[in-house]
Protein backbone atom coordinates (compact mmCIF):
# COMPACT_ATOMS: atom_id res chain seq x y z
CA MET A 1 0.00 0.00 0.00
CA VAL A 2 2.96 2.35 0.39
CA TYR A 3 3.41 2.41 -3.40
CA LYS A 4 1.49 4.85 -5.53
CA TYR A 5 -0.76 3.37 -8.26
CA TYR A 6 -0.69 -0.13 -6.70
CA ASP A 7 -4.35 -0.05 -5.74
CA ILE A 8 -6.39 -3.14 -6.50
CA ALA A 9 -4.07 -6.03 -5.59
CA THR A 10 -3.02 -4.26 -2.38
CA ALA A 11 -6.69 -3.72 -1.44
CA LYS A 12 -6.18 -0.08 -0.51
CA PRO A 13 -9.16 1.17 1.51
CA THR A 14 -11.57 3.51 -0.24
CA GLU A 15 -12.49 6.87 1.28
CA GLU A 16 -15.81 5.35 2.31
CA GLU A 17 -14.05 2.45 4.04
CA LYS A 18 -11.77 4.86 5.91
CA GLN A 19 -14.88 6.38 7.53
CA GLY A 20 -13.14 9.69 8.07
CA ILE A 21 -10.31 8.10 10.08
CA PRO A 22 -6.81 9.33 9.11
CA HIS A 23 -4.74 6.62 7.40
CA HIS A 24 -0.95 6.80 7.11
CA LEU A 25 1.83 5.28 4.97
CA ILE A 26 -0.43 4.87 1.93
CA ASP A 27 0.67 6.20 -1.50
CA ILE A 28 3.97 7.60 -0.20
CA ILE A 29 6.50 5.89 -2.50
CA GLU A 30 6.98 5.88 -6.28
CA PRO A 31 6.98 2.43 -7.95
CA HIS A 32 10.70 2.60 -8.80
CA GLU A 33 11.73 3.39 -5.20
CA ASP A 34 12.64 0.88 -2.49
CA PHE A 35 10.90 0.65 0.88
CA SER A 36 12.50 -1.54 3.55
CA VAL A 37 11.48 -2.73 6.99
CA ALA A 38 13.94 -0.16 8.39
CA ASP A 39 12.08 2.59 6.50
CA PHE A 40 8.83 1.27 7.95
CA LEU A 41 10.22 1.37 11.48
CA ASP A 42 11.54 4.92 11.17
CA ARG A 43 8.30 6.31 9.74
CA THR A 44 6.04 4.32 12.06
CA ARG A 45 7.90 5.31 15.22
CA ASP A 46 7.66 8.97 14.23
CA LEU A 47 3.91 8.63 13.63
CA ILE A 48 3.34 6.78 16.91
CA GLU A 49 5.24 9.43 18.88
CA ASP A 50 3.26 12.21 17.21
CA MET A 51 -0.07 10.51 17.94
CA ALA A 52 0.89 9.78 21.53
CA GLU A 53 1.74 13.44 22.08
CA ARG A 54 -1.76 14.31 20.83
CA GLY A 55 -3.41 11.73 23.10
CA LYS A 56 -4.30 9.38 20.23
CA THR A 57 -3.96 5.60 20.10
CA PRO A 58 -2.70 4.30 16.73
CA VAL A 59 -4.03 1.13 15.15
CA ILE A 60 -1.41 -0.64 13.07
CA ALA A 61 -3.09 -2.93 10.56
CA GLY A 62 -1.86 -4.95 7.67
CA GLY A 63 -0.38 -8.20 6.52
CA THR A 64 3.40 -8.39 6.76
CA GLY A 65 4.08 -10.16 10.05
CA LEU A 66 7.80 -9.40 9.97
CA TYR A 67 7.10 -5.67 10.14
CA PHE A 68 4.89 -6.09 13.19
CA LYS A 69 7.45 -8.32 14.87
CA VAL A 70 10.42 -5.96 14.52
CA LEU A 71 8.30 -3.02 15.65
CA ALA A 72 6.89 -4.86 18.66
CA GLU A 73 10.16 -6.47 19.74
CA ASN A 74 12.19 -3.27 19.51
CA TYR A 75 14.89 -4.39 17.09
CA ASN A 76 17.80 -2.12 16.25
CA LEU A 77 17.89 -2.56 12.49
CA PRO A 78 20.98 -1.38 10.61
CA ARG A 79 20.62 1.22 7.85
CA VAL A 80 22.59 -0.41 5.05
CA PRO A 81 22.92 1.52 1.76
CA ALA A 82 22.30 -0.24 -1.52
CA ASN A 83 25.23 -2.02 -3.16
CA LYS A 84 24.33 -1.80 -6.85
CA ALA A 85 27.28 -3.86 -8.06
CA LEU A 86 26.45 -6.73 -5.70
CA ARG A 87 22.75 -6.52 -6.57
CA GLU A 88 23.48 -6.79 -10.28
CA GLU A 89 25.80 -9.73 -9.64
CA LEU A 90 23.15 -11.56 -7.61
CA GLU A 91 20.38 -10.72 -10.09
CA ASP A 92 22.47 -12.18 -12.92
CA TYR A 93 23.17 -15.27 -10.83
CA ALA A 94 19.44 -15.75 -10.14
CA LYS A 95 18.60 -15.43 -13.86
CA LYS A 96 21.27 -17.95 -14.87
CA GLU A 97 21.08 -20.46 -12.02
CA GLY A 98 17.55 -19.94 -10.70
CA ALA A 99 15.93 -18.58 -7.55
CA GLN A 100 16.55 -21.74 -5.51
CA LYS A 101 20.30 -21.62 -6.13
CA LEU A 102 20.35 -17.98 -5.03
CA HIS A 103 18.42 -18.94 -1.90
CA GLU A 104 21.08 -21.58 -1.16
CA LYS A 105 23.65 -18.78 -1.06
CA LEU A 106 21.60 -17.11 1.65
CA GLN A 107 21.30 -20.38 3.55
CA GLN A 108 25.08 -20.66 3.63
CA LEU A 109 25.37 -17.12 5.04
CA ASP A 110 22.44 -17.24 7.50
CA SER A 111 20.28 -20.34 7.64
CA GLU A 112 17.90 -18.77 10.18
CA ALA A 113 17.20 -15.76 7.97
CA ALA A 114 16.83 -18.03 4.92
CA GLN A 115 14.07 -20.03 6.63
CA LYS A 116 11.95 -16.88 6.89
CA ILE A 117 12.16 -15.95 3.19
CA HIS A 118 10.63 -17.96 0.34
CA TYR A 119 13.10 -18.65 -2.45
CA ASN A 120 10.74 -17.05 -5.00
CA ASN A 121 11.09 -13.72 -3.19
CA VAL A 122 14.28 -12.95 -5.10
CA VAL A 123 14.27 -9.23 -4.28
CA ARG A 124 14.22 -9.85 -0.55
CA VAL A 125 16.76 -12.68 -0.77
CA ILE A 126 19.15 -10.35 -2.60
CA ARG A 127 18.59 -7.53 -0.12
CA THR A 128 19.22 -9.87 2.82
CA ILE A 129 22.47 -11.13 1.30
CA GLU A 130 23.45 -7.52 0.64
CA ILE A 131 22.89 -6.58 4.30
CA ILE A 132 24.72 -9.63 5.64
CA LYS A 133 27.76 -9.04 3.42
CA THR A 134 27.85 -5.34 4.33
CA LEU A 135 27.58 -5.99 8.07
CA GLY A 136 29.88 -8.97 7.98
CA MET A 137 27.52 -10.91 10.26
CA PRO A 138 24.28 -12.92 10.04
CA LEU A 139 21.04 -11.02 10.59
CA SER A 140 20.08 -13.62 13.18
CA GLU A 141 22.85 -12.24 15.41
CA LEU A 142 21.26 -8.80 15.60
CA LYS A 143 19.88 -8.11 19.05
CA ARG A 144 17.03 -6.05 20.36
CA LYS A 145 17.87 -2.55 21.50
CA ASN A 146 16.96 -3.63 25.02
CA GLN A 147 14.81 -6.19 26.77
CA ASP A 148 12.00 -3.73 27.46
CA ASP A 149 9.18 -3.28 24.97
CA GLU A 150 9.18 0.15 23.36
CA PHE A 151 5.39 0.34 23.18
CA ASP A 152 2.46 -1.01 25.15
CA ILE A 153 0.80 -3.10 22.45
CA GLU A 154 -2.38 -5.14 22.32
CA PHE A 155 -2.12 -7.66 19.49
CA ILE A 156 -5.32 -8.83 17.79
CA GLY A 157 -5.08 -11.53 15.15
CA LEU A 158 -7.98 -12.28 12.82
CA CYS A 159 -8.51 -15.85 11.67
CA THR A 160 -11.17 -18.00 10.05
CA ALA A 161 -12.88 -21.05 11.51
CA SER A 162 -10.93 -23.36 9.19
CA ARG A 163 -8.12 -23.34 6.66
CA ASP A 164 -10.56 -24.37 3.92
CA GLU A 165 -12.73 -21.34 4.61
CA LEU A 166 -9.69 -19.07 4.52
CA TYR A 167 -8.63 -20.44 1.13
CA GLN A 168 -12.16 -20.07 -0.26
CA ARG A 169 -12.18 -16.43 0.82
CA ILE A 170 -8.79 -15.86 -0.79
CA ASN A 171 -9.94 -17.34 -4.11
CA LYS A 172 -13.10 -15.21 -4.04
CA ARG A 173 -11.04 -12.13 -3.14
CA VAL A 174 -8.90 -12.59 -6.27
CA ASP A 175 -12.03 -13.01 -8.43
CA VAL A 176 -13.43 -9.74 -7.05
CA MET A 177 -10.14 -7.94 -7.76
CA LEU A 178 -10.27 -9.14 -11.36
CA GLU A 179 -13.82 -7.80 -11.65
CA LYS A 180 -12.52 -4.44 -10.41
CA GLY A 181 -9.88 -4.32 -13.16
CA LEU A 182 -6.76 -5.93 -11.69
CA LEU A 183 -5.47 -7.19 -15.04
CA GLN A 184 -5.74 -3.74 -16.64
CA GLU A 185 -4.07 -2.09 -13.64
CA ALA A 186 -1.21 -4.60 -13.77
CA ARG A 187 -0.77 -4.04 -17.52
CA GLU A 188 -0.65 -0.25 -17.09
CA LEU A 189 1.93 -0.52 -14.30
CA TYR A 190 4.04 -2.93 -16.34
CA GLU A 191 3.94 -0.78 -19.46
CA LYS A 192 4.63 2.47 -17.59
CA PHE A 193 7.26 1.38 -15.05
CA GLY A 194 8.59 -1.97 -16.30
CA GLN A 195 9.96 -4.73 -14.09
CA THR A 196 10.50 -2.68 -10.94
CA ASN A 197 11.30 -4.43 -7.66
CA SER A 198 7.88 -3.47 -6.35
CA PHE A 199 6.13 -5.07 -9.36
CA GLN A 200 8.21 -8.25 -9.25
CA ASN A 201 7.75 -8.58 -5.49
CA THR A 202 4.00 -7.96 -5.14
CA ILE A 203 1.50 -10.80 -5.30
CA GLY A 204 -1.24 -9.90 -7.75
CA TYR A 205 1.11 -8.18 -10.19
CA GLN A 206 4.20 -10.38 -10.45
CA GLU A 207 2.15 -13.33 -11.76
CA PHE A 208 1.04 -11.36 -14.83
CA MET A 209 4.60 -10.82 -16.08
CA PRO A 210 4.79 -14.20 -17.86
CA TYR A 211 1.35 -13.54 -19.34
CA PHE A 212 2.42 -10.15 -20.70
CA GLU A 213 5.56 -11.78 -22.10
CA GLY A 214 3.53 -14.53 -23.77
CA THR A 215 4.84 -17.48 -21.76
CA CYS A 216 1.61 -18.37 -19.93
CA SER A 217 -2.14 -17.90 -20.28
CA GLU A 218 -4.29 -15.44 -18.36
CA LYS A 219 -5.99 -18.34 -16.58
CA GLU A 220 -2.62 -19.73 -15.45
CA ALA A 221 -1.58 -16.31 -14.16
CA VAL A 222 -4.80 -15.97 -12.16
CA GLU A 223 -4.37 -19.43 -10.63
CA LEU A 224 -0.83 -18.46 -9.62
CA ILE A 225 -2.14 -15.35 -7.85
CA LYS A 226 -4.55 -17.49 -5.85
CA GLN A 227 -1.86 -20.06 -5.06
CA HIS A 228 0.73 -17.48 -4.03
CA THR A 229 -1.82 -15.66 -1.87
CA ARG A 230 -2.76 -18.90 -0.10
CA ASN A 231 0.93 -19.64 0.48
CA TYR A 232 1.49 -16.13 1.80
CA ALA A 233 -1.46 -16.42 4.20
CA LYS A 234 0.01 -19.64 5.55
CA ARG A 235 3.37 -17.93 6.18
CA GLN A 236 1.59 -14.98 7.80
CA LEU A 237 -0.18 -17.27 10.26
CA SER A 238 3.03 -19.11 11.09
CA LEU A 239 4.87 -15.88 11.87
CA LEU A 240 2.03 -14.29 13.82
CA LYS A 241 1.77 -17.40 15.98
CA THR A 242 5.30 -16.66 17.23
CA ILE A 243 3.95 -13.49 18.90
CA GLU A 244 3.10 -14.68 22.40
CA LYS A 245 0.81 -11.78 23.30
CA ILE A 246 -1.51 -12.13 20.32
CA LYS A 247 -5.24 -12.53 20.91
CA TRP A 248 -7.03 -14.41 18.15
CA GLN A 249 -10.54 -13.60 16.97
CA THR A 250 -12.50 -15.67 14.47
CA VAL A 251 -14.12 -13.65 11.68
């Protein structure tokens, strides 16, 4: 949602859905720009401090469990600048040898970090390798700033009664997005901005690349979106279950 023009697949809330409540960190980044978990932490902490000073309680909602975890557990993330030469080297390696081989490189450097990233997420694998090589140490060795929580947080996790119901909802959700014009939006983004990291790394857009390039059918692309979304939901649940304080509610 941080990226401009990425509307349908990210399910950005409409003005009606916002119900007059201020929303933050939406439409703040151009498609060709990078946005890391460290960027999220910096911006979110500033917003939380501002709201607290005004006597407001922020609600942090979304999907990426890693972002919640590092915010809640007060990690001191390093600010590592991009290494373009290394990125190009790793991108070439992934194209020649495949995403799984690239992921094996990460496993050799930091097996714990590798377990948390799917091999198909090439952009994040490359960025993680980049950080590890720059720091000269595994990410898993990074410690929290201190043992005290930075914020007083109440975690609420939403879940369905069964995994089957969750998957049915996901499949229906993709169908509704297609009715709203997801394919056209993806085509416009692809034609205007090309294969940006944000496009290649966002479920709902990345799957249409082979279709636009003529190597798969539209139906196959749509099935991939549904499959990747189901896989992502499974990883979300696994990560959120590691948060001890979370309170689950069935919806």
